[in-house]
Amino acid sequence: MRGMYLNCDPKSLPASFAAMSDNSKLYKFPENIAQGYLIYDTNAWSTAPIEIYQEQVFIASGWFIYKQKLNPLALLAKDIVEHGPSVLNDILAGVFVIYWKNGEQTTLLTDALGLSTHYIDRLASELRIAPSVKALLTDKHTLNNDMQSILGKKQHLFGNFTLYNEIERLQPGAAITSGTEQSYFTFYDGKAIEDLGEYVNTLTEFWPYDTRILPLSSGLDSRYLLANGTYKYGFTYGPEGSPERKIAGHYQQDFEHYHAFDFNEQLLHEQEQAILDEMAFATLKPINRLYTNYHYIAKHYNQASTFYDGYLGDLFQRGTYINFKGKRGELLKLVPFVYRFINFSAHKLLRLRYKELTNGEFEILWQDYKVKTANLALNDYQKVTYYEFVYGRGGRYTVFGSNVLAAQFFTIVSPFASRIVFDSFIQQDYSRAVSYRNLKKIWSKTASKYKSQVVESGYSPQTPAAFIPFIQLTYRLMFHFIPSRANYGVKLKRMEKQKK
């Protein structure tokens, strides 16, 4: 499993270690520096990512863009030594954990949004981290019964919690020592949302065209990346004849190589379950077959190494993280303009989104939310979206698909999580986003062919906002009651029910 292992051994994850991809390499820290290992992406780093500046040691796991350069570790090390870790806020995009040794002081530096998921053992006398809880677990760690209950209800946890009291996810956007955590994160000034496509295009260009691959769905997130970048390889998975395949197929000519296939047609990777058991241990319940399909596409397009993911673009384009389930939530999806007048509090929204939790369990979430968002100059809708992105369903569940599983084979680039794009979208008016009133502006500078084609829910960025909720309801009913219109998500749910 790619990542940094400090004072633990990657071989403690035998299935993941044995499945290490051809473009992954094991690096052992010099013995005079630390007891540690790195499994790194050789497409991102031609040599082991270690730099020494003024006798201070820096070792990087992941990738980053700093001062308009990709992975300038020597430059970043120099600036950290001379100016402090606050310079990390100038990293425009990245998925990383950086080890920094200054004499006897060891510090871990994490990316701003927690995309490089690593965990820390709080019982250890020295910094001890790994990309999996299982690599850290000892018989001294105790089970958190509340988290066990929450995981069963939500399929994922929140905050930095795991199933064990003394093992936590590394705090995003921070400089971490054995006893302290210092945040370096501050927001950039927001740009106009209609101009964000140019920043996506600029980000895309940091990697060679011949390495770029885009998973294209029928939705607007991956299509936005396609409209604002060029990619040599593309693929879509979904049932044969499904709207997903048909809609994405309209853009197959945008790629030199494009492949559409059924999510369930590949022979299940013989070690998938063992690998998932190690990687997702004590944190979430993963979606089956994702690892198999990422492994398949990596073999099918073995020259593609940079994977562009529309990770969480829906919550920015359509404000989905202030939605909630249930009859009331479904009604609001039909009349989303009500969000402008009701003005839900953060407490109310989160309680509705986490209604399965007991009052005691929700209180844990609420206290965590207050601590994590206390210093953010955002309103409640923005704070809830931020929390869910970094600490909730996004950062503790959705992130596992791309930035953990796909990251075993590719360098994962998530443009919606790059700083200019994220910081601009997070500061938008979410009462407008959730009622589709920002879509036309977001897509205003893209070519007509991208904004005129409908998504599988029947609307396009050019559809009048007032009509979209009713169109969407009609299509949702069709997904569930007309088998031929099912996307892979609906099909997977049907298969799970059949198993039961």
Protein backbone atom coordinates (compact mmCIF):
# COMPACT_ATOMS: atom_id res chain seq x y z
CA MET A 1 0.00 0.00 0.00
CA ARG A 2 1.50 3.32 -1.07
CA GLY A 3 2.32 5.77 1.67
CA MET A 4 4.65 6.46 4.58
CA TYR A 5 5.32 3.95 7.35
CA LEU A 6 7.07 5.49 10.34
CA ASN A 7 8.11 3.15 13.15
CA CYS A 8 6.05 0.35 11.62
CA ASP A 9 6.42 -2.10 8.73
CA PRO A 10 4.50 -2.15 5.40
CA LYS A 11 4.81 -5.94 5.43
CA SER A 12 2.27 -5.92 8.25
CA LEU A 13 -0.21 -5.49 5.36
CA PRO A 14 0.74 -8.68 3.49
CA ALA A 15 -1.97 -8.67 0.81
CA SER A 16 -1.44 -4.99 -0.03
CA PHE A 17 2.35 -5.37 0.04
CA ALA A 18 2.24 -8.38 -2.29
CA ALA A 19 -0.04 -6.50 -4.71
CA MET A 20 2.28 -3.49 -4.98
CA SER A 21 2.04 -2.23 -8.56
CA ASP A 22 4.91 -2.18 -11.05
CA ASN A 23 5.26 1.59 -10.75
CA SER A 24 5.51 1.50 -6.94
CA LYS A 25 8.85 1.25 -5.16
CA LEU A 26 9.83 0.51 -1.57
CA TYR A 27 12.32 2.93 -0.01
CA LYS A 28 13.81 2.40 3.45
CA PHE A 29 14.72 5.50 5.45
CA PRO A 30 18.44 5.83 6.22
CA GLU A 31 19.05 4.25 9.63
CA ASN A 32 20.61 7.42 11.03
CA ILE A 33 17.40 9.34 10.25
CA ALA A 34 14.50 7.15 11.36
CA GLN A 35 12.95 3.71 11.34
CA GLY A 36 10.67 4.14 8.39
CA TYR A 37 9.62 3.07 4.91
CA LEU A 38 8.08 4.74 1.92
CA ILE A 39 6.17 3.07 -0.90
CA TYR A 40 6.17 5.73 -3.58
CA ASP A 41 4.96 6.29 -7.13
CA THR A 42 7.87 6.07 -9.56
CA ASN A 43 5.89 8.04 -12.14
CA ALA A 44 5.80 10.97 -9.71
CA TRP A 45 9.41 10.59 -8.51
CA SER A 46 12.26 9.21 -10.63
CA THR A 47 14.38 8.82 -7.47
CA ALA A 48 13.48 8.49 -3.80
CA PRO A 49 11.83 11.76 -2.64
CA ILE A 50 14.35 12.82 0.01
CA GLU A 51 16.12 16.18 0.38
CA ILE A 52 18.52 17.57 2.98
CA TYR A 53 18.84 21.31 3.55
CA GLN A 54 21.03 22.76 6.29
CA GLU A 55 21.21 19.29 7.88
CA GLN A 56 17.41 19.10 8.06
CA VAL A 57 15.83 16.08 6.36
CA PHE A 58 12.65 16.05 4.27
CA ILE A 59 11.01 12.90 2.88
CA ALA A 60 7.78 13.18 0.88
CA SER A 61 4.93 10.77 0.29
CA GLY A 62 2.63 11.87 -2.54
CA TRP A 63 2.93 14.91 -4.80
CA PHE A 64 2.47 18.70 -4.70
CA ILE A 65 2.62 21.84 -6.83
CA TYR A 66 4.57 24.71 -5.32
CA LYS A 67 5.63 27.98 -6.96
CA GLN A 68 4.38 26.71 -10.32
CA LYS A 69 6.54 23.58 -10.18
CA LEU A 70 5.61 19.92 -9.73
CA ASN A 71 7.32 18.24 -6.76
CA PRO A 72 10.12 20.80 -6.11
CA LEU A 73 11.03 19.16 -2.80
CA ALA A 74 14.40 20.93 -2.54
CA LEU A 75 12.77 24.35 -2.97
CA LEU A 76 10.00 23.55 -0.48
CA ALA A 77 12.52 22.24 2.07
CA LYS A 78 14.55 25.44 1.77
CA ASP A 79 11.47 27.63 2.26
CA ILE A 80 10.22 25.61 5.25
CA VAL A 81 13.61 25.89 6.98
CA GLU A 82 13.89 29.62 6.28
CA HIS A 83 10.26 30.70 6.73
CA GLY A 84 8.47 27.94 8.65
CA PRO A 85 5.66 25.51 7.73
CA SER A 86 3.25 28.36 6.94
CA VAL A 87 4.66 28.28 3.38
CA LEU A 88 2.69 25.04 2.89
CA ASN A 89 -0.41 27.20 2.47
CA ASP A 90 1.11 28.33 -0.84
CA ILE A 91 0.94 24.78 -2.25
CA LEU A 92 -1.62 25.10 -5.04
CA ALA A 93 -2.53 21.41 -5.11
CA GLY A 94 -1.24 18.25 -3.54
CA VAL A 95 -1.76 14.91 -1.86
CA PHE A 96 1.05 14.47 0.63
CA VAL A 97 2.57 13.68 3.98
CA ILE A 98 6.08 15.07 4.45
CA TYR A 99 8.52 13.88 7.11
CA TRP A 100 10.71 16.69 8.48
CA LYS A 101 13.59 16.03 10.85
CA ASN A 102 15.35 18.99 12.46
CA GLY A 103 17.92 17.67 14.92
CA GLU A 104 15.96 15.79 17.57
CA GLN A 105 12.64 17.31 16.48
CA THR A 106 10.47 15.31 14.06
CA THR A 107 7.45 16.91 12.38
CA LEU A 108 4.86 15.57 9.95
CA LEU A 109 3.36 17.97 7.40
CA THR A 110 -0.02 17.10 5.86
CA ASP A 111 -1.84 18.40 2.80
CA ALA A 112 -4.48 21.05 3.38
CA LEU A 113 -7.56 18.89 2.81
CA GLY A 114 -6.40 15.52 4.14
CA LEU A 115 -6.35 13.75 0.77
CA SER A 116 -3.30 11.69 1.72
CA THR A 117 -5.04 9.56 4.32
CA HIS A 118 -2.60 8.45 7.03
CA TYR A 119 -3.12 7.47 10.65
CA ILE A 120 -1.16 8.08 13.85
CA ASP A 121 -0.69 5.89 16.93
CA ARG A 122 -1.24 8.11 19.97
CA LEU A 123 0.05 5.44 22.36
CA ALA A 124 3.52 5.40 20.81
CA SER A 125 6.31 7.30 22.54
CA GLU A 126 7.51 8.59 19.16
CA LEU A 127 5.72 9.49 15.95
CA ARG A 128 4.28 6.31 14.47
CA ILE A 129 2.17 6.55 11.31
CA ALA A 130 0.89 4.44 8.42
CA PRO A 131 -1.70 4.70 5.60
CA SER A 132 -3.72 1.93 7.28
CA VAL A 133 -4.97 1.52 10.84
CA LYS A 134 -4.16 -2.18 10.64
CA ALA A 135 -0.42 -1.47 10.33
CA LEU A 136 -0.54 0.38 13.68
CA LEU A 137 -2.86 -1.82 15.72
CA THR A 138 -1.48 -3.56 18.82
CA ASP A 139 -3.14 -5.38 21.71
CA LYS A 140 -2.81 -2.17 23.75
CA HIS A 141 -5.34 -0.31 21.62
CA THR A 142 -8.95 -0.30 22.82
CA LEU A 143 -12.14 -0.40 20.77
CA ASN A 144 -14.37 2.69 20.72
CA ASN A 145 -17.91 1.34 21.06
CA ASP A 146 -19.52 4.58 19.88
CA MET A 147 -17.49 4.53 16.67
CA GLN A 148 -18.31 0.87 16.12
CA SER A 149 -22.02 1.72 16.32
CA ILE A 150 -21.64 4.75 14.03
CA LEU A 151 -19.71 2.76 11.42
CA GLY A 152 -22.49 0.20 11.29
CA LYS A 153 -25.08 2.92 10.69
CA LYS A 154 -23.23 5.26 8.28
CA GLN A 155 -20.65 2.97 6.60
CA HIS A 156 -17.97 5.52 7.53
CA LEU A 157 -16.72 7.59 10.46
CA PHE A 158 -16.15 11.34 10.81
CA GLY A 159 -13.58 13.79 12.15
CA ASN A 160 -10.26 12.00 12.63
CA PHE A 161 -11.79 9.07 14.52
CA THR A 162 -11.14 5.38 13.86
CA LEU A 163 -12.58 2.35 15.63
CA TYR A 164 -9.74 2.57 18.15
CA ASN A 165 -9.45 5.28 20.77
CA GLU A 166 -5.72 5.76 20.43
CA ILE A 167 -5.41 5.64 16.61
CA GLU A 168 -6.51 8.72 14.65
CA ARG A 169 -6.34 10.06 11.13
CA LEU A 170 -3.58 12.64 10.78
CA GLN A 171 -4.98 16.15 11.08
CA PRO A 172 -5.25 17.80 7.62
CA GLY A 173 -3.40 21.04 6.92
CA ALA A 174 -1.10 20.83 9.91
CA ALA A 175 2.45 20.52 11.21
CA ILE A 176 2.32 17.63 13.68
CA THR A 177 4.83 16.64 16.37
CA SER A 178 4.52 14.09 19.19
CA GLY A 179 2.74 16.61 21.39
CA THR A 180 1.41 19.40 19.19
CA GLU A 181 -0.60 20.14 16.04
CA GLN A 182 -0.22 23.54 14.41
CA SER A 183 -2.59 24.42 11.55
CA TYR A 184 -1.13 26.31 8.59
CA PHE A 185 -4.39 26.48 6.61
CA THR A 186 -5.88 29.85 5.68
CA PHE A 187 -8.31 30.50 2.83
CA TYR A 188 -7.31 32.12 -0.43
CA ASP A 189 -9.43 34.96 -1.76
CA GLY A 190 -12.20 33.44 -3.86
CA LYS A 191 -12.19 33.79 -7.64
CA ALA A 192 -15.31 34.17 -9.79
CA ILE A 193 -16.83 30.71 -10.24
CA GLU A 194 -17.21 31.24 -13.99
CA ASP A 195 -13.41 31.60 -14.23
CA LEU A 196 -12.45 28.42 -12.38
CA GLY A 197 -12.24 26.34 -15.55
CA GLU A 198 -9.01 28.08 -16.51
CA TYR A 199 -7.45 27.03 -13.20
CA VAL A 200 -8.52 23.43 -13.83
CA ASN A 201 -6.88 23.59 -17.25
CA THR A 202 -3.68 25.06 -15.79
CA LEU A 203 -3.54 22.28 -13.20
CA THR A 204 -4.09 19.60 -15.84
CA GLU A 205 -1.11 20.84 -17.86
CA PHE A 206 1.43 20.06 -15.10
CA TRP A 207 1.49 16.43 -16.29
CA PRO A 208 2.39 15.18 -19.79
CA TYR A 209 -0.55 14.68 -22.13
CA ASP A 210 0.48 11.09 -22.88
CA THR A 211 0.01 10.11 -19.21
CA ARG A 212 -3.46 11.60 -18.64
CA ILE A 213 -6.53 9.47 -18.07
CA LEU A 214 -10.05 10.64 -17.18
CA PRO A 215 -12.85 8.42 -15.82
CA LEU A 216 -15.90 9.90 -17.54
CA SER A 217 -19.36 9.40 -16.08
CA SER A 218 -22.70 10.74 -17.26
CA GLY A 219 -22.54 13.51 -14.64
CA LEU A 220 -21.18 17.03 -14.61
CA ASP A 221 -18.10 16.59 -12.42
CA SER A 222 -15.91 14.60 -14.80
CA ARG A 223 -17.46 16.45 -17.76
CA TYR A 224 -16.32 19.75 -16.25
CA LEU A 225 -12.77 18.40 -16.19
CA LEU A 226 -13.12 17.26 -19.81
CA ALA A 227 -14.44 20.68 -20.84
CA ASN A 228 -11.43 22.34 -19.23
CA GLY A 229 -8.58 20.02 -20.13
CA THR A 230 -7.27 17.49 -22.65
CA TYR A 231 -6.76 13.81 -21.91
CA LYS A 232 -5.29 11.02 -24.01
CA TYR A 233 -7.20 8.21 -22.31
CA GLY A 234 -10.77 7.97 -21.10
CA PHE A 235 -13.05 5.28 -19.74
CA THR A 236 -16.58 4.77 -18.47
CA TYR A 237 -17.99 1.90 -16.48
CA GLY A 238 -21.68 1.11 -16.40
CA PRO A 239 -24.17 -1.51 -17.62
CA GLU A 240 -24.37 -2.05 -21.38
CA GLY A 241 -26.91 0.35 -22.88
CA SER A 242 -27.25 2.37 -19.69
CA PRO A 243 -27.66 6.16 -19.76
CA GLU A 244 -24.22 6.39 -18.18
CA ARG A 245 -22.56 4.71 -21.16
CA LYS A 246 -24.72 6.50 -23.75
CA ILE A 247 -24.18 10.01 -22.37
CA ALA A 248 -20.45 9.61 -21.75
CA GLY A 249 -20.13 8.08 -25.22
CA HIS A 250 -21.03 11.45 -26.78
CA TYR A 251 -17.52 12.59 -25.84
CA GLN A 252 -15.44 9.56 -26.79
CA GLN A 253 -13.96 11.50 -29.73
CA ASP A 254 -12.32 13.85 -27.23
CA PHE A 255 -9.88 11.05 -26.37
CA GLU A 256 -7.30 9.25 -28.47
CA HIS A 257 -8.25 6.08 -26.63
CA TYR A 258 -11.62 5.47 -24.97
CA HIS A 259 -13.00 2.33 -23.35
CA ALA A 260 -16.48 1.62 -21.97
CA PHE A 261 -17.18 -1.53 -19.98
CA ASP A 262 -19.51 -3.03 -17.40
CA PHE A 263 -18.44 -2.52 -13.81
CA ASN A 264 -19.26 -6.17 -13.07
CA GLU A 265 -17.78 -7.88 -16.12
CA GLN A 266 -14.19 -8.21 -14.91
CA LEU A 267 -13.14 -11.31 -13.00
CA LEU A 268 -12.86 -10.29 -9.36
CA HIS A 269 -9.23 -9.72 -8.36
CA GLU A 270 -8.30 -12.76 -6.30
CA GLN A 271 -6.89 -10.64 -3.48
CA GLU A 272 -9.44 -7.82 -3.52
CA GLN A 273 -11.19 -8.74 -0.29
CA ALA A 274 -7.93 -9.23 1.60
CA ILE A 275 -6.62 -5.91 0.27
CA LEU A 276 -9.82 -4.07 1.21
CA ASP A 277 -9.74 -5.63 4.66
CA GLU A 278 -6.29 -4.10 5.19
CA MET A 279 -6.79 -0.71 3.56
CA ALA A 280 -10.26 0.09 4.95
CA PHE A 281 -9.74 -1.56 8.33
CA ALA A 282 -11.43 0.24 11.25
CA THR A 283 -12.46 3.26 9.16
CA LEU A 284 -15.16 2.49 6.56
CA LYS A 285 -17.08 -0.16 4.65
CA PRO A 286 -15.74 0.00 1.09
CA ILE A 287 -17.53 -0.50 -2.22
CA ASN A 288 -16.75 -3.88 -3.71
CA ARG A 289 -15.13 -4.26 -7.15
CA LEU A 290 -13.61 -0.77 -7.28
CA TYR A 291 -10.12 -2.16 -6.72
CA THR A 292 -10.71 -4.79 -9.42
CA ASN A 293 -11.78 -2.16 -11.93
CA TYR A 294 -8.92 0.22 -11.17
CA HIS A 295 -6.50 -2.69 -11.53
CA TYR A 296 -8.14 -3.59 -14.84
CA ILE A 297 -7.98 -0.11 -16.35
CA ALA A 298 -4.36 0.32 -15.19
CA LYS A 299 -3.47 -2.82 -17.15
CA HIS A 300 -5.64 -1.88 -20.13
CA TYR A 301 -3.96 1.54 -20.47
CA ASN A 302 -0.55 0.81 -19.03
CA GLN A 303 0.94 4.08 -20.29
CA ALA A 304 -1.61 6.15 -18.39
CA SER A 305 -0.26 7.21 -15.00
CA THR A 306 -2.06 10.48 -14.11
CA PHE A 307 -5.68 9.93 -13.10
CA TYR A 308 -7.91 13.03 -13.05
CA ASP A 309 -10.83 12.59 -10.72
CA GLY A 310 -13.98 14.71 -10.40
CA TYR A 311 -13.84 14.04 -6.66
CA LEU A 312 -16.67 15.88 -4.84
CA GLY A 313 -17.45 18.27 -7.68
CA ASP A 314 -21.16 17.63 -7.11
CA LEU A 315 -21.17 19.31 -3.71
CA PHE A 316 -19.78 22.48 -5.29
CA GLN A 317 -21.87 22.51 -8.46
CA ARG A 318 -25.12 21.41 -6.82
CA GLY A 319 -24.63 21.94 -3.09
CA THR A 320 -25.29 18.28 -2.30
CA TYR A 321 -23.78 18.35 1.20
CA ILE A 322 -26.59 20.49 2.55
CA ASN A 323 -29.13 17.95 1.31
CA PHE A 324 -30.41 15.17 3.55
CA LYS A 325 -32.49 12.01 3.27
CA GLY A 326 -36.07 11.36 4.35
CA LYS A 327 -39.46 12.76 3.37
CA ARG A 328 -38.52 16.30 4.31
CA GLY A 329 -35.28 16.07 2.36
CA GLU A 330 -37.08 14.72 -0.71
CA LEU A 331 -39.60 17.56 -0.54
CA LEU A 332 -36.80 20.13 -0.39
CA LYS A 333 -35.22 18.58 -3.48
CA LEU A 334 -38.41 19.56 -5.32
CA VAL A 335 -38.46 23.10 -3.91
CA PRO A 336 -34.78 23.80 -3.15
CA PHE A 337 -35.31 27.58 -3.25
CA VAL A 338 -36.68 27.13 0.28
CA TYR A 339 -33.08 26.89 1.52
CA ARG A 340 -32.85 30.64 0.96
CA PHE A 341 -35.70 31.31 3.38
CA ILE A 342 -35.46 28.59 6.03
CA ASN A 343 -31.73 29.18 6.62
CA PHE A 344 -31.05 25.91 8.44
CA SER A 345 -28.52 26.08 11.26
CA ALA A 346 -25.44 23.86 11.06
CA HIS A 347 -26.71 21.85 14.02
CA LYS A 348 -30.07 21.20 12.32
CA LEU A 349 -28.50 20.27 8.97
CA LEU A 350 -26.02 17.86 10.51
CA ARG A 351 -28.70 16.28 12.70
CA LEU A 352 -30.82 15.69 9.61
CA ARG A 353 -27.84 14.31 7.68
CA TYR A 354 -26.86 12.02 10.57
CA LYS A 355 -30.35 11.14 11.79
CA GLU A 356 -29.37 7.48 12.29
CA LEU A 357 -27.13 8.38 15.22
CA THR A 358 -28.28 8.38 18.84
CA ASN A 359 -28.22 11.71 20.66
CA GLY A 360 -25.00 10.71 22.39
CA GLU A 361 -23.34 9.70 19.13
CA PHE A 362 -24.45 12.89 17.42
CA GLU A 363 -23.07 14.96 20.29
CA ILE A 364 -19.61 13.53 19.52
CA LEU A 365 -19.98 14.67 15.90
CA TRP A 366 -21.34 18.08 16.91
CA GLN A 367 -18.47 18.80 19.29
CA ASP A 368 -15.98 17.69 16.65
CA TYR A 369 -17.66 19.93 14.06
CA LYS A 370 -17.48 22.94 16.37
CA VAL A 371 -13.77 22.44 17.03
CA LYS A 372 -12.90 21.82 13.37
CA THR A 373 -14.82 24.86 12.03
CA ALA A 374 -14.48 27.35 14.92
CA ASN A 375 -11.92 29.56 13.21
CA LEU A 376 -13.41 29.52 9.71
CA ALA A 377 -14.91 32.77 8.40
CA LEU A 378 -17.80 30.93 6.73
CA ASN A 379 -21.58 30.78 7.18
CA ASP A 380 -23.32 27.60 8.35
CA TYR A 381 -24.02 26.19 4.86
CA GLN A 382 -20.39 26.73 3.92
CA LYS A 383 -19.11 25.26 7.19
CA VAL A 384 -21.22 22.12 6.84
CA THR A 385 -19.96 21.68 3.28
CA TYR A 386 -16.36 22.20 4.43
CA TYR A 387 -16.74 19.75 7.31
CA GLU A 388 -18.32 17.06 5.13
CA PHE A 389 -15.62 17.54 2.48
CA VAL A 390 -12.67 17.27 4.88
CA TYR A 391 -14.01 15.36 7.89
CA GLY A 392 -17.33 13.79 6.88
CA ARG A 393 -18.61 11.72 3.99
CA GLY A 394 -16.14 13.22 1.53
CA GLY A 395 -12.92 12.99 3.52
CA ARG A 396 -13.77 9.76 5.34
CA TYR A 397 -15.61 7.75 2.66
CA THR A 398 -15.57 9.09 -0.90
CA VAL A 399 -11.84 9.76 -0.69
CA PHE A 400 -11.19 6.03 -0.32
CA GLY A 401 -12.22 5.23 -3.89
CA SER A 402 -9.82 7.48 -5.76
CA ASN A 403 -7.17 8.72 -3.36
CA VAL A 404 -6.65 5.31 -1.75
CA LEU A 405 -7.69 2.53 -4.14
CA ALA A 406 -6.97 4.16 -7.52
CA ALA A 407 -3.85 5.71 -5.97
CA GLN A 408 -2.28 2.25 -5.81
CA PHE A 409 -1.92 2.41 -9.61
CA PHE A 410 -1.98 6.11 -10.57
CA THR A 411 -1.05 9.60 -9.48
CA ILE A 412 -4.45 10.97 -8.47
CA VAL A 413 -5.24 14.59 -9.34
CA SER A 414 -8.49 16.01 -7.93
CA PRO A 415 -8.97 19.49 -9.46
CA PHE A 416 -11.97 20.33 -7.26
CA ALA A 417 -9.62 19.86 -4.28
CA SER A 418 -6.94 22.20 -5.64
CA ARG A 419 -6.68 25.31 -3.52
CA ILE A 420 -7.93 28.02 -5.88
CA VAL A 421 -10.88 25.91 -7.03
CA PHE A 422 -11.76 24.61 -3.56
CA ASP A 423 -11.33 27.93 -1.78
CA SER A 424 -13.47 29.72 -4.37
CA PHE A 425 -16.29 27.18 -4.44
CA ILE A 426 -16.43 26.78 -0.66
CA GLN A 427 -17.17 30.50 -0.33
CA GLN A 428 -20.11 30.51 -2.79
CA ASP A 429 -23.77 30.96 -1.86
CA TYR A 430 -24.98 27.40 -1.21
CA SER A 431 -28.65 28.36 -1.18
CA ARG A 432 -28.09 29.15 -4.88
CA ALA A 433 -25.95 26.07 -5.52
CA VAL A 434 -28.48 23.63 -4.03
CA SER A 435 -31.23 25.16 -6.20
CA TYR A 436 -29.09 24.82 -9.37
CA ARG A 437 -28.90 28.59 -9.79
CA ASN A 438 -25.10 28.64 -10.10
CA LEU A 439 -24.84 26.03 -12.86
CA LYS A 440 -25.17 28.41 -15.81
CA LYS A 441 -22.49 30.68 -14.41
CA ILE A 442 -20.10 27.79 -13.66
CA TRP A 443 -20.45 26.51 -17.24
CA SER A 444 -20.75 29.88 -18.98
CA LYS A 445 -17.25 29.83 -20.49
CA THR A 446 -17.23 26.20 -21.66
CA ALA A 447 -17.93 25.01 -25.21
CA SER A 448 -21.59 24.44 -26.09
CA LYS A 449 -21.24 20.69 -26.61
CA TYR A 450 -20.36 20.21 -22.94
CA LYS A 451 -23.16 22.28 -21.43
CA SER A 452 -25.99 21.35 -23.81
CA GLN A 453 -25.89 17.56 -23.30
CA VAL A 454 -28.13 16.33 -20.48
CA VAL A 455 -26.87 14.20 -17.59
CA GLU A 456 -28.51 10.88 -16.67
CA SER A 457 -30.98 12.81 -14.50
CA GLY A 458 -32.36 14.57 -17.58
CA TYR A 459 -31.09 18.14 -17.24
CA SER A 460 -28.10 20.10 -18.49
CA PRO A 461 -26.29 23.22 -17.26
CA GLN A 462 -28.47 25.18 -19.68
CA THR A 463 -31.79 23.90 -18.30
CA PRO A 464 -33.75 26.61 -16.43
CA ALA A 465 -33.06 26.09 -12.74
CA ALA A 466 -36.76 26.04 -11.78
CA PHE A 467 -37.40 22.99 -14.00
CA ILE A 468 -34.47 20.84 -12.86
CA PRO A 469 -35.94 19.41 -9.61
CA PHE A 470 -39.02 18.04 -11.40
CA ILE A 471 -37.02 16.65 -14.31
CA GLN A 472 -34.66 15.01 -11.84
CA LEU A 473 -37.50 13.40 -9.88
CA THR A 474 -38.94 11.87 -13.06
CA TYR A 475 -35.59 10.39 -14.05
CA ARG A 476 -34.87 9.07 -10.56
CA LEU A 477 -38.11 7.11 -10.68
CA MET A 478 -37.09 5.72 -14.07
CA PHE A 479 -33.70 4.58 -12.71
CA HIS A 480 -35.38 2.54 -10.01
CA PHE A 481 -38.37 1.13 -11.89
CA ILE A 482 -37.05 0.62 -15.44
CA PRO A 483 -34.17 -1.92 -15.29
CA SER A 484 -32.60 -0.83 -18.59
CA ARG A 485 -32.08 2.69 -17.25
CA ALA A 486 -30.20 1.65 -14.11
CA ASN A 487 -26.73 3.09 -13.61
CA TYR A 488 -23.99 1.04 -11.97
CA GLY A 489 -24.82 2.42 -8.51
CA VAL A 490 -28.44 1.26 -8.71
CA LYS A 491 -27.34 -2.04 -10.23
CA LEU A 492 -24.90 -2.66 -7.36
CA LYS A 493 -27.63 -1.99 -4.79
CA ARG A 494 -29.89 -4.49 -6.54
CA MET A 495 -27.14 -7.09 -6.49
CA GLU A 496 -26.56 -6.52 -2.76
CA LYS A 497 -30.28 -6.99 -2.05
CA GLN A 498 -30.31 -10.22 -4.09
CA LYS A 499 -27.42 -11.56 -2.01
CA LYS A 500 -29.41 -10.96 1.17
